[in-house]
Amino acid sequence: MGSAAVPVVLIFLIVVFSGVTIYSGNRDLARAKAWGDLARRFLPFVVLALMAVSLYFVRTFAEGWVTLAWIVLFGVLIVASSLFSVPALERRANGVFRRGDYPQAAELYEKLVEERPLARNHAFRGAALGASERYDESINASTKAIDTDPEYGLAYYNRALVLRRTGKKSRAVQDLNKALEADLPRRFRSASKKILQDLA
């Protein structure tokens, strides 16, 4: 393999890794058959794939302006696809949640649940309600998420946190074990195991 092929191979590997990562973080959408939502999540992946394919053709041009135009075009497309890959209301709710305005986040997630009653939206609402110390509502929202998709591990995890805060340790342990058996992101797996050790 020549040195000219190295960038193409690297971009191809990045594209493949991105596709796998996007799918693994959104398996709940596939289970819910929310194909439109899942397709949106893949927009950045599609742009990266187009970028990888077009790199071969761009390299054949000697003019520097072609390469510069290619870089600018795909820079804009990557930013735009990242913005459009997540619905605006969800992006706004996530931002509010990260800033720590949990009551406002809960309201936004409630609107999101009304628009798209997916397990993830119920679970996000449950997390915001739990952080707002509205524990009964949080447990109900997480339970709705579990009823909607019993494989959505984040819902069990969120409910377990609230159950632990309210002193229901045995139920929290049950939910943490169920979360570990379900579809749960790696960072929450580590947190679940640590909490289980603390509760033992």
N, C-alpha and C. Protein backbone atom coordinates (compact mmCIF):
# COMPACT_ATOMS: atom_id res chain seq x y z
N MET A 1 0.86 -1.19 0.00
CA MET A 1 0.00 0.00 0.00
C MET A 1 0.90 1.24 0.00
N GLY A 2 0.67 2.13 -0.96
CA GLY A 2 1.45 3.35 -1.06
C GLY A 2 1.02 4.39 -0.06
N SER A 3 1.87 5.40 0.12
CA SER A 3 1.55 6.46 1.08
C SER A 3 0.31 7.25 0.64
N ALA A 4 -0.01 7.25 -0.66
CA ALA A 4 -1.19 7.97 -1.14
C ALA A 4 -2.48 7.33 -0.66
N ALA A 5 -2.44 6.02 -0.38
CA ALA A 5 -3.65 5.30 0.04
C ALA A 5 -3.93 5.45 1.53
N VAL A 6 -2.92 5.86 2.29
CA VAL A 6 -3.08 5.94 3.74
C VAL A 6 -4.23 6.86 4.17
N PRO A 7 -4.33 8.10 3.64
CA PRO A 7 -5.46 8.95 4.06
C PRO A 7 -6.82 8.35 3.72
N VAL A 8 -6.91 7.71 2.55
CA VAL A 8 -8.19 7.11 2.14
C VAL A 8 -8.57 5.98 3.10
N VAL A 9 -7.60 5.14 3.45
CA VAL A 9 -7.86 4.02 4.37
C VAL A 9 -8.25 4.56 5.74
N LEU A 10 -7.53 5.60 6.22
CA LEU A 10 -7.86 6.18 7.52
C LEU A 10 -9.27 6.75 7.54
N ILE A 11 -9.63 7.48 6.49
CA ILE A 11 -10.99 8.04 6.44
C ILE A 11 -12.03 6.93 6.37
N PHE A 12 -11.73 5.87 5.61
CA PHE A 12 -12.65 4.74 5.53
C PHE A 12 -12.86 4.12 6.92
N LEU A 13 -11.76 3.96 7.66
CA LEU A 13 -11.87 3.39 9.02
C LEU A 13 -12.67 4.32 9.94
N ILE A 14 -12.47 5.63 9.80
CA ILE A 14 -13.24 6.59 10.60
C ILE A 14 -14.72 6.49 10.27
N VAL A 15 -15.03 6.36 8.98
CA VAL A 15 -16.43 6.25 8.55
C VAL A 15 -17.06 4.99 9.12
N VAL A 16 -16.37 3.87 9.02
CA VAL A 16 -16.90 2.60 9.53
C VAL A 16 -17.10 2.70 11.05
N PHE A 17 -16.10 3.21 11.75
CA PHE A 17 -16.20 3.36 13.21
C PHE A 17 -17.35 4.28 13.58
N SER A 18 -17.51 5.38 12.82
CA SER A 18 -18.61 6.32 13.09
C SER A 18 -19.97 5.64 12.91
N GLY A 19 -20.11 4.87 11.83
CA GLY A 19 -21.37 4.18 11.58
C GLY A 19 -21.72 3.20 12.68
N VAL A 20 -20.74 2.43 13.12
CA VAL A 20 -20.96 1.45 14.20
C VAL A 20 -21.32 2.18 15.49
N THR A 21 -20.61 3.26 15.78
CA THR A 21 -20.86 4.04 17.00
C THR A 21 -22.26 4.63 16.99
N ILE A 22 -22.65 5.21 15.86
CA ILE A 22 -23.98 5.82 15.76
C ILE A 22 -25.06 4.77 15.96
N TYR A 23 -24.90 3.61 15.31
CA TYR A 23 -25.91 2.57 15.45
C TYR A 23 -25.98 2.05 16.88
N SER A 24 -24.82 1.81 17.48
CA SER A 24 -24.83 1.25 18.84
C SER A 24 -25.44 2.21 19.85
N GLY A 25 -25.34 3.52 19.59
CA GLY A 25 -25.94 4.50 20.49
C GLY A 25 -27.42 4.76 20.21
N ASN A 26 -27.94 4.13 19.16
CA ASN A 26 -29.34 4.39 18.78
C ASN A 26 -30.11 3.11 18.45
N ARG A 27 -29.70 2.00 19.05
CA ARG A 27 -30.40 0.73 18.79
C ARG A 27 -31.86 0.80 19.22
N ASP A 28 -32.14 1.63 20.22
CA ASP A 28 -33.53 1.77 20.68
C ASP A 28 -34.43 2.28 19.56
N LEU A 29 -33.90 3.15 18.70
CA LEU A 29 -34.69 3.66 17.58
C LEU A 29 -34.99 2.55 16.58
N ALA A 30 -34.03 1.65 16.39
CA ALA A 30 -34.27 0.51 15.50
C ALA A 30 -35.33 -0.42 16.10
N ARG A 31 -35.25 -0.66 17.42
CA ARG A 31 -36.26 -1.51 18.07
C ARG A 31 -37.64 -0.89 17.97
N ALA A 32 -37.70 0.45 18.04
CA ALA A 32 -38.99 1.15 17.96
C ALA A 32 -39.46 1.33 16.51
N LYS A 33 -38.62 0.89 15.57
CA LYS A 33 -38.91 1.07 14.14
C LYS A 33 -39.11 2.55 13.80
N ALA A 34 -38.37 3.40 14.49
CA ALA A 34 -38.40 4.84 14.24
C ALA A 34 -37.33 5.13 13.19
N TRP A 35 -37.59 4.65 11.97
CA TRP A 35 -36.58 4.69 10.91
C TRP A 35 -36.20 6.12 10.54
N GLY A 36 -37.15 7.04 10.54
CA GLY A 36 -36.83 8.43 10.21
C GLY A 36 -35.87 9.03 11.23
N ASP A 37 -36.14 8.78 12.52
CA ASP A 37 -35.27 9.28 13.58
C ASP A 37 -33.87 8.65 13.48
N LEU A 38 -33.84 7.35 13.19
CA LEU A 38 -32.56 6.66 13.07
C LEU A 38 -31.79 7.20 11.86
N ALA A 39 -32.49 7.42 10.75
CA ALA A 39 -31.84 7.95 9.55
C ALA A 39 -31.22 9.32 9.83
N ARG A 40 -31.92 10.16 10.58
CA ARG A 40 -31.38 11.48 10.93
C ARG A 40 -30.07 11.37 11.68
N ARG A 41 -29.98 10.38 12.58
CA ARG A 41 -28.76 10.21 13.37
C ARG A 41 -27.58 9.84 12.48
N PHE A 42 -27.87 9.27 11.31
CA PHE A 42 -26.81 8.85 10.41
C PHE A 42 -26.35 9.93 9.44
N LEU A 43 -26.95 11.12 9.50
CA LEU A 43 -26.55 12.19 8.57
C LEU A 43 -25.05 12.49 8.62
N PRO A 44 -24.45 12.65 9.81
CA PRO A 44 -23.00 12.90 9.83
C PRO A 44 -22.20 11.74 9.22
N PHE A 45 -22.67 10.52 9.45
CA PHE A 45 -22.03 9.34 8.88
C PHE A 45 -22.07 9.39 7.35
N VAL A 46 -23.22 9.76 6.80
CA VAL A 46 -23.37 9.86 5.34
C VAL A 46 -22.41 10.91 4.78
N VAL A 47 -22.32 12.04 5.46
CA VAL A 47 -21.41 13.11 5.01
C VAL A 47 -19.96 12.62 5.05
N LEU A 48 -19.58 11.91 6.12
CA LEU A 48 -18.22 11.37 6.20
C LEU A 48 -17.96 10.35 5.09
N ALA A 49 -18.97 9.54 4.79
CA ALA A 49 -18.82 8.55 3.72
C ALA A 49 -18.62 9.25 2.38
N LEU A 50 -19.41 10.30 2.11
CA LEU A 50 -19.25 11.06 0.87
C LEU A 50 -17.87 11.73 0.82
N MET A 51 -17.43 12.21 1.96
CA MET A 51 -16.12 12.84 2.05
C MET A 51 -15.02 11.82 1.71
N ALA A 52 -15.14 10.62 2.25
CA ALA A 52 -14.14 9.57 2.00
C ALA A 52 -14.11 9.20 0.52
N VAL A 53 -15.30 9.05 -0.08
CA VAL A 53 -15.37 8.68 -1.49
C VAL A 53 -14.81 9.80 -2.37
N SER A 54 -15.17 11.04 -2.04
CA SER A 54 -14.75 12.17 -2.89
C SER A 54 -13.27 12.50 -2.74
N LEU A 55 -12.64 12.08 -1.64
CA LEU A 55 -11.22 12.37 -1.44
C LEU A 55 -10.38 11.81 -2.58
N TYR A 56 -10.72 10.63 -3.03
CA TYR A 56 -9.96 10.00 -4.11
C TYR A 56 -9.98 10.89 -5.36
N PHE A 57 -11.14 11.47 -5.67
CA PHE A 57 -11.26 12.31 -6.87
C PHE A 57 -10.60 13.68 -6.68
N VAL A 58 -10.71 14.23 -5.50
CA VAL A 58 -10.13 15.54 -5.23
C VAL A 58 -8.61 15.49 -5.33
N ARG A 59 -8.02 14.38 -4.92
CA ARG A 59 -6.56 14.24 -4.94
C ARG A 59 -6.00 14.28 -6.36
N THR A 60 -6.83 14.00 -7.36
CA THR A 60 -6.35 14.00 -8.75
C THR A 60 -6.19 15.41 -9.31
N PHE A 61 -6.79 16.41 -8.66
CA PHE A 61 -6.68 17.79 -9.12
C PHE A 61 -5.43 18.44 -8.52
N ALA A 62 -4.69 19.11 -9.37
CA ALA A 62 -3.47 19.78 -8.91
C ALA A 62 -3.75 21.16 -8.33
N GLU A 63 -4.88 21.77 -8.75
CA GLU A 63 -5.18 23.13 -8.31
C GLU A 63 -5.50 23.15 -6.81
N GLY A 64 -4.87 24.10 -6.13
CA GLY A 64 -5.11 24.23 -4.69
C GLY A 64 -6.51 24.67 -4.35
N TRP A 65 -7.16 25.43 -5.24
CA TRP A 65 -8.50 25.94 -4.93
C TRP A 65 -9.52 24.80 -4.86
N VAL A 66 -9.29 23.72 -5.60
CA VAL A 66 -10.21 22.58 -5.57
C VAL A 66 -10.18 21.94 -4.19
N THR A 67 -8.99 21.73 -3.68
CA THR A 67 -8.84 21.14 -2.34
C THR A 67 -9.44 22.06 -1.28
N LEU A 68 -9.18 23.36 -1.41
CA LEU A 68 -9.73 24.32 -0.45
C LEU A 68 -11.26 24.33 -0.49
N ALA A 69 -11.82 24.32 -1.69
CA ALA A 69 -13.28 24.30 -1.83
C ALA A 69 -13.86 23.02 -1.25
N TRP A 70 -13.16 21.91 -1.45
CA TRP A 70 -13.59 20.61 -0.91
C TRP A 70 -13.60 20.65 0.62
N ILE A 71 -12.55 21.21 1.20
CA ILE A 71 -12.46 21.31 2.67
C ILE A 71 -13.59 22.17 3.22
N VAL A 72 -13.82 23.33 2.59
CA VAL A 72 -14.88 24.24 3.05
C VAL A 72 -16.24 23.57 2.91
N LEU A 73 -16.50 22.97 1.76
CA LEU A 73 -17.79 22.31 1.52
C LEU A 73 -18.08 21.25 2.56
N PHE A 74 -17.11 20.36 2.79
CA PHE A 74 -17.37 19.29 3.75
C PHE A 74 -17.34 19.79 5.19
N GLY A 75 -16.62 20.85 5.47
CA GLY A 75 -16.71 21.46 6.80
C GLY A 75 -18.11 21.95 7.09
N VAL A 76 -18.70 22.65 6.12
CA VAL A 76 -20.08 23.14 6.26
C VAL A 76 -21.06 21.97 6.37
N LEU A 77 -20.87 20.95 5.51
CA LEU A 77 -21.79 19.79 5.52
C LEU A 77 -21.72 19.02 6.84
N ILE A 78 -20.52 18.89 7.40
CA ILE A 78 -20.38 18.17 8.68
C ILE A 78 -21.10 18.92 9.79
N VAL A 79 -20.92 20.24 9.85
CA VAL A 79 -21.60 21.03 10.88
C VAL A 79 -23.11 20.96 10.70
N ALA A 80 -23.59 21.14 9.45
CA ALA A 80 -25.03 21.12 9.18
C ALA A 80 -25.63 19.76 9.49
N SER A 81 -24.94 18.69 9.09
CA SER A 81 -25.48 17.35 9.34
C SER A 81 -25.53 17.04 10.84
N SER A 82 -24.55 17.56 11.58
CA SER A 82 -24.56 17.36 13.04
C SER A 82 -25.75 18.07 13.67
N LEU A 83 -26.05 19.27 13.18
CA LEU A 83 -27.19 20.01 13.72
C LEU A 83 -28.52 19.34 13.39
N PHE A 84 -28.65 18.86 12.17
CA PHE A 84 -29.92 18.26 11.74
C PHE A 84 -30.09 16.81 12.18
N SER A 85 -29.02 16.20 12.69
CA SER A 85 -29.12 14.79 13.07
C SER A 85 -29.95 14.59 14.34
N VAL A 86 -30.10 15.64 15.14
CA VAL A 86 -30.89 15.58 16.37
C VAL A 86 -31.99 16.63 16.24
N PRO A 87 -33.26 16.24 16.49
CA PRO A 87 -34.34 17.23 16.41
C PRO A 87 -34.06 18.44 17.29
N ALA A 88 -34.49 19.61 16.83
CA ALA A 88 -34.19 20.87 17.52
C ALA A 88 -34.67 20.86 18.97
N LEU A 89 -35.87 20.33 19.21
CA LEU A 89 -36.41 20.31 20.58
C LEU A 89 -35.56 19.42 21.49
N GLU A 90 -35.14 18.29 20.98
CA GLU A 90 -34.28 17.40 21.77
C GLU A 90 -32.94 18.05 22.06
N ARG A 91 -32.36 18.70 21.05
CA ARG A 91 -31.09 19.40 21.24
C ARG A 91 -31.23 20.49 22.29
N ARG A 92 -32.33 21.23 22.22
CA ARG A 92 -32.57 22.30 23.20
C ARG A 92 -32.74 21.74 24.61
N ALA A 93 -33.54 20.67 24.73
CA ALA A 93 -33.77 20.04 26.04
C ALA A 93 -32.47 19.50 26.61
N ASN A 94 -31.66 18.87 25.78
CA ASN A 94 -30.37 18.34 26.24
C ASN A 94 -29.46 19.47 26.73
N GLY A 95 -29.46 20.58 26.00
CA GLY A 95 -28.65 21.72 26.41
C GLY A 95 -29.09 22.29 27.76
N VAL A 96 -30.40 22.42 27.93
CA VAL A 96 -30.95 22.93 29.20
C VAL A 96 -30.60 21.97 30.33
N PHE A 97 -30.72 20.66 30.07
CA PHE A 97 -30.38 19.65 31.09
C PHE A 97 -28.91 19.77 31.48
N ARG A 98 -28.03 19.89 30.49
CA ARG A 98 -26.59 20.00 30.78
C ARG A 98 -26.26 21.25 31.58
N ARG A 99 -27.03 22.32 31.37
CA ARG A 99 -26.81 23.56 32.14
C ARG A 99 -27.34 23.45 33.56
N GLY A 100 -28.08 22.39 33.85
CA GLY A 100 -28.57 22.18 35.21
C GLY A 100 -29.93 22.77 35.50
N ASP A 101 -30.65 23.23 34.48
CA ASP A 101 -32.01 23.76 34.68
C ASP A 101 -32.98 22.59 34.49
N TYR A 102 -33.04 21.72 35.49
CA TYR A 102 -33.78 20.47 35.38
C TYR A 102 -35.29 20.66 35.25
N PRO A 103 -35.91 21.60 35.97
CA PRO A 103 -37.36 21.81 35.78
C PRO A 103 -37.70 22.21 34.34
N GLN A 104 -36.90 23.12 33.77
CA GLN A 104 -37.12 23.53 32.37
C GLN A 104 -36.87 22.35 31.42
N ALA A 105 -35.83 21.57 31.69
CA ALA A 105 -35.54 20.39 30.87
C ALA A 105 -36.69 19.40 30.92
N ALA A 106 -37.27 19.20 32.11
CA ALA A 106 -38.40 18.28 32.24
C ALA A 106 -39.58 18.73 31.38
N GLU A 107 -39.83 20.05 31.36
CA GLU A 107 -40.92 20.59 30.52
C GLU A 107 -40.64 20.35 29.04
N LEU A 108 -39.41 20.58 28.63
CA LEU A 108 -39.05 20.39 27.23
C LEU A 108 -39.13 18.90 26.85
N TYR A 109 -38.67 18.04 27.74
CA TYR A 109 -38.76 16.60 27.46
C TYR A 109 -40.22 16.14 27.42
N GLU A 110 -41.07 16.77 28.23
CA GLU A 110 -42.48 16.43 28.18
C GLU A 110 -43.07 16.76 26.80
N LYS A 111 -42.68 17.91 26.25
CA LYS A 111 -43.12 18.26 24.89
C LYS A 111 -42.58 17.26 23.88
N LEU A 112 -41.35 16.84 24.11
CA LEU A 112 -40.73 15.86 23.22
C LEU A 112 -41.47 14.52 23.28
N VAL A 113 -41.88 14.12 24.48
CA VAL A 113 -42.66 12.88 24.65
C VAL A 113 -43.99 12.98 23.91
N GLU A 114 -44.62 14.16 23.97
CA GLU A 114 -45.89 14.36 23.27
C GLU A 114 -45.71 14.22 21.76
N GLU A 115 -44.58 14.75 21.25
CA GLU A 115 -44.30 14.66 19.81
C GLU A 115 -43.88 13.26 19.40
N ARG A 116 -42.96 12.68 20.17
CA ARG A 116 -42.39 11.38 19.84
C ARG A 116 -42.32 10.55 21.12
N PRO A 117 -43.34 9.71 21.39
CA PRO A 117 -43.35 8.94 22.65
C PRO A 117 -42.41 7.73 22.61
N LEU A 118 -41.14 8.01 22.36
CA LEU A 118 -40.13 6.96 22.34
C LEU A 118 -39.61 6.71 23.75
N ALA A 119 -39.06 5.52 23.96
CA ALA A 119 -38.52 5.17 25.28
C ALA A 119 -37.47 6.17 25.73
N ARG A 120 -36.60 6.58 24.83
CA ARG A 120 -35.53 7.52 25.21
C ARG A 120 -36.10 8.84 25.71
N ASN A 121 -37.17 9.31 25.10
CA ASN A 121 -37.75 10.59 25.52
C ASN A 121 -38.40 10.49 26.89
N HIS A 122 -39.07 9.36 27.15
CA HIS A 122 -39.62 9.13 28.50
C HIS A 122 -38.47 9.05 29.52
N ALA A 123 -37.39 8.36 29.15
CA ALA A 123 -36.26 8.20 30.07
C ALA A 123 -35.57 9.53 30.34
N PHE A 124 -35.39 10.34 29.30
CA PHE A 124 -34.78 11.66 29.49
C PHE A 124 -35.65 12.52 30.42
N ARG A 125 -36.95 12.44 30.19
CA ARG A 125 -37.88 13.20 31.05
C ARG A 125 -37.75 12.69 32.50
N GLY A 126 -37.68 11.37 32.65
CA GLY A 126 -37.52 10.79 33.99
C GLY A 126 -36.25 11.27 34.68
N ALA A 127 -35.17 11.39 33.92
CA ALA A 127 -33.90 11.86 34.50
C ALA A 127 -34.03 13.32 34.95
N ALA A 128 -34.67 14.14 34.12
CA ALA A 128 -34.84 15.56 34.48
C ALA A 128 -35.75 15.71 35.69
N LEU A 129 -36.80 14.91 35.74
CA LEU A 129 -37.71 14.96 36.90
C LEU A 129 -37.00 14.49 38.17
N GLY A 130 -36.19 13.44 38.04
CA GLY A 130 -35.43 12.95 39.19
C GLY A 130 -34.46 13.99 39.70
N ALA A 131 -33.77 14.66 38.78
CA ALA A 131 -32.83 15.71 39.17
C ALA A 131 -33.55 16.90 39.78
N SER A 132 -34.85 17.06 39.45
CA SER A 132 -35.67 18.14 40.03
C SER A 132 -36.31 17.72 41.35
N GLU A 133 -35.98 16.50 41.80
CA GLU A 133 -36.51 15.92 43.04
C GLU A 133 -38.02 15.69 42.98
N ARG A 134 -38.53 15.46 41.81
CA ARG A 134 -39.94 15.08 41.62
C ARG A 134 -39.93 13.57 41.40
N TYR A 135 -39.68 12.86 42.51
CA TYR A 135 -39.33 11.45 42.44
C TYR A 135 -40.44 10.55 41.91
N ASP A 136 -41.66 10.74 42.38
CA ASP A 136 -42.76 9.88 41.91
C ASP A 136 -42.98 10.04 40.41
N GLU A 137 -42.94 11.29 39.92
CA GLU A 137 -43.11 11.53 38.49
C GLU A 137 -41.94 10.94 37.71
N SER A 138 -40.75 11.01 38.28
CA SER A 138 -39.56 10.46 37.64
C SER A 138 -39.69 8.95 37.48
N ILE A 139 -40.12 8.29 38.56
CA ILE A 139 -40.30 6.83 38.52
C ILE A 139 -41.35 6.46 37.47
N ASN A 140 -42.44 7.22 37.42
CA ASN A 140 -43.49 6.96 36.43
C ASN A 140 -42.97 7.13 35.01
N ALA A 141 -42.19 8.18 34.76
CA ALA A 141 -41.64 8.41 33.42
C ALA A 141 -40.68 7.30 33.03
N SER A 142 -39.83 6.88 33.96
CA SER A 142 -38.90 5.79 33.67
C SER A 142 -39.64 4.48 33.43
N THR A 143 -40.71 4.26 34.19
CA THR A 143 -41.51 3.05 34.00
C THR A 143 -42.19 3.06 32.63
N LYS A 144 -42.64 4.22 32.18
CA LYS A 144 -43.22 4.33 30.83
C LYS A 144 -42.17 4.00 29.78
N ALA A 145 -40.94 4.45 30.01
CA ALA A 145 -39.85 4.15 29.08
C ALA A 145 -39.62 2.64 29.02
N ILE A 146 -39.63 1.99 30.18
CA ILE A 146 -39.42 0.54 30.24
C ILE A 146 -40.57 -0.20 29.58
N ASP A 147 -41.80 0.27 29.81
CA ASP A 147 -42.96 -0.36 29.16
C ASP A 147 -42.88 -0.21 27.64
N THR A 148 -42.36 0.94 27.19
CA THR A 148 -42.24 1.20 25.75
C THR A 148 -41.15 0.34 25.12
N ASP A 149 -40.03 0.18 25.83
CA ASP A 149 -38.90 -0.62 25.32
C ASP A 149 -38.18 -1.26 26.50
N PRO A 150 -38.54 -2.52 26.82
CA PRO A 150 -37.91 -3.20 27.96
C PRO A 150 -36.40 -3.41 27.83
N GLU A 151 -35.86 -3.19 26.64
CA GLU A 151 -34.41 -3.35 26.44
C GLU A 151 -33.65 -2.04 26.61
N TYR A 152 -34.36 -0.95 26.89
CA TYR A 152 -33.70 0.36 27.02
C TYR A 152 -33.13 0.50 28.43
N GLY A 153 -31.85 0.17 28.57
CA GLY A 153 -31.22 0.09 29.88
C GLY A 153 -31.14 1.40 30.65
N LEU A 154 -31.08 2.51 29.93
CA LEU A 154 -30.97 3.81 30.61
C LEU A 154 -32.20 4.10 31.47
N ALA A 155 -33.35 3.59 31.06
CA ALA A 155 -34.57 3.79 31.86
C ALA A 155 -34.46 3.08 33.21
N TYR A 156 -33.94 1.85 33.20
CA TYR A 156 -33.73 1.12 34.47
C TYR A 156 -32.71 1.86 35.33
N TYR A 157 -31.66 2.34 34.69
CA TYR A 157 -30.61 3.04 35.42
C TYR A 157 -31.16 4.30 36.09
N ASN A 158 -31.91 5.11 35.32
CA ASN A 158 -32.49 6.34 35.88
C ASN A 158 -33.42 6.02 37.05
N ARG A 159 -34.26 5.00 36.85
CA ARG A 159 -35.21 4.65 37.91
C ARG A 159 -34.47 4.15 39.14
N ALA A 160 -33.39 3.41 38.93
CA ALA A 160 -32.60 2.91 40.06
C ALA A 160 -32.01 4.06 40.87
N LEU A 161 -31.55 5.11 40.21
CA LEU A 161 -30.98 6.25 40.93
C LEU A 161 -32.02 6.90 41.84
N VAL A 162 -33.23 7.05 41.30
CA VAL A 162 -34.30 7.66 42.10
C VAL A 162 -34.72 6.73 43.23
N LEU A 163 -34.82 5.45 42.95
CA LEU A 163 -35.18 4.49 44.00
C LEU A 163 -34.15 4.49 45.12
N ARG A 164 -32.88 4.61 44.75
CA ARG A 164 -31.82 4.67 45.77
C ARG A 164 -31.96 5.93 46.61
N ARG A 165 -32.26 7.07 45.95
CA ARG A 165 -32.43 8.32 46.70
C ARG A 165 -33.60 8.26 47.66
N THR A 166 -34.62 7.51 47.29
CA THR A 166 -35.81 7.44 48.15
C THR A 166 -35.73 6.27 49.14
N GLY A 167 -34.55 5.64 49.25
CA GLY A 167 -34.34 4.61 50.26
C GLY A 167 -34.82 3.23 49.87
N LYS A 168 -35.20 3.02 48.61
CA LYS A 168 -35.68 1.70 48.16
C LYS A 168 -34.53 0.95 47.51
N LYS A 169 -33.58 0.53 48.34
CA LYS A 169 -32.33 -0.01 47.85
C LYS A 169 -32.50 -1.35 47.13
N SER A 170 -33.35 -2.22 47.64
CA SER A 170 -33.50 -3.54 47.01
C SER A 170 -34.09 -3.40 45.60
N ARG A 171 -35.04 -2.49 45.44
CA ARG A 171 -35.61 -2.25 44.10
C ARG A 171 -34.58 -1.59 43.20
N ALA A 172 -33.76 -0.72 43.77
CA ALA A 172 -32.69 -0.09 42.99
C ALA A 172 -31.71 -1.14 42.48
N VAL A 173 -31.35 -2.09 43.34
CA VAL A 173 -30.44 -3.17 42.93
C VAL A 173 -31.05 -3.98 41.79
N GLN A 174 -32.33 -4.29 41.90
CA GLN A 174 -33.02 -5.04 40.82
C GLN A 174 -32.93 -4.28 39.51
N ASP A 175 -33.20 -2.97 39.55
CA ASP A 175 -33.17 -2.17 38.32
C ASP A 175 -31.75 -2.05 37.76
N LEU A 176 -30.77 -1.93 38.63
CA LEU A 176 -29.39 -1.84 38.14
C LEU A 176 -28.98 -3.15 37.46
N ASN A 177 -29.39 -4.28 38.03
CA ASN A 177 -29.09 -5.56 37.39
C ASN A 177 -29.79 -5.69 36.05
N LYS A 178 -31.04 -5.22 35.98
CA LYS A 178 -31.77 -5.25 34.70
C LYS A 178 -31.11 -4.32 33.69
N ALA A 179 -30.63 -3.17 34.16
CA ALA A 179 -29.94 -2.23 33.27
C ALA A 179 -28.71 -2.89 32.65
N LEU A 180 -27.97 -3.65 33.47
CA LEU A 180 -26.77 -4.32 32.97
C LEU A 180 -27.09 -5.43 31.98
N GLU A 181 -28.28 -6.01 32.09
CA GLU A 181 -28.70 -7.05 31.15
C GLU A 181 -29.25 -6.46 29.86
N ALA A 182 -29.61 -5.19 29.90
CA ALA A 182 -30.26 -4.53 28.76
C ALA A 182 -29.23 -3.77 27.92
N ASP A 183 -29.75 -2.97 27.00
CA ASP A 183 -28.94 -2.15 26.11
C ASP A 183 -28.57 -0.86 26.86
N LEU A 184 -27.36 -0.83 27.40
CA LEU A 184 -26.91 0.28 28.24
C LEU A 184 -25.54 0.76 27.78
N PRO A 185 -25.37 2.07 27.55
CA PRO A 185 -24.05 2.57 27.14
C PRO A 185 -22.97 2.23 28.16
N ARG A 186 -21.74 2.12 27.67
CA ARG A 186 -20.61 1.66 28.49
C ARG A 186 -20.40 2.50 29.74
N ARG A 187 -20.48 3.84 29.63
CA ARG A 187 -20.22 4.66 30.82
C ARG A 187 -21.25 4.43 31.90
N PHE A 188 -22.51 4.12 31.50
CA PHE A 188 -23.54 3.83 32.49
C PHE A 188 -23.37 2.42 33.05
N ARG A 189 -22.78 1.52 32.27
CA ARG A 189 -22.47 0.18 32.78
C ARG A 189 -21.48 0.28 33.94
N SER A 190 -20.44 1.06 33.72
CA SER A 190 -19.43 1.23 34.77
C SER A 190 -20.05 1.86 36.01
N ALA A 191 -20.89 2.89 35.81
CA ALA A 191 -21.54 3.56 36.94
C ALA A 191 -22.48 2.59 37.66
N SER A 192 -23.21 1.77 36.91
CA SER A 192 -24.13 0.80 37.52
C SER A 192 -23.39 -0.19 38.39
N LYS A 193 -22.27 -0.69 37.89
CA LYS A 193 -21.46 -1.66 38.66
C LYS A 193 -20.94 -1.02 39.94
N LYS A 194 -20.50 0.22 39.83
CA LYS A 194 -19.99 0.91 41.02
C LYS A 194 -21.09 1.12 42.06
N ILE A 195 -22.28 1.51 41.60
CA ILE A 195 -23.40 1.72 42.53
C ILE A 195 -23.79 0.39 43.18
N LEU A 196 -23.79 -0.68 42.40
CA LEU A 196 -24.12 -1.99 42.95
C LEU A 196 -23.13 -2.39 44.04
N GLN A 197 -21.86 -2.09 43.83
CA GLN A 197 -20.86 -2.38 44.86
C GLN A 197 -21.13 -1.56 46.12
N ASP A 198 -21.51 -0.30 45.94
CA ASP A 198 -21.79 0.57 47.08
C ASP A 198 -23.03 0.09 47.85
N LEU A 199 -24.00 -0.46 47.12
CA LEU A 199 -25.24 -0.90 47.76
C LEU A 199 -25.11 -2.30 48.39
N ALA A 200 -24.07 -3.01 48.03
CA ALA A 200 -23.90 -4.39 48.54
C ALA A 200 -23.58 -4.41 50.02
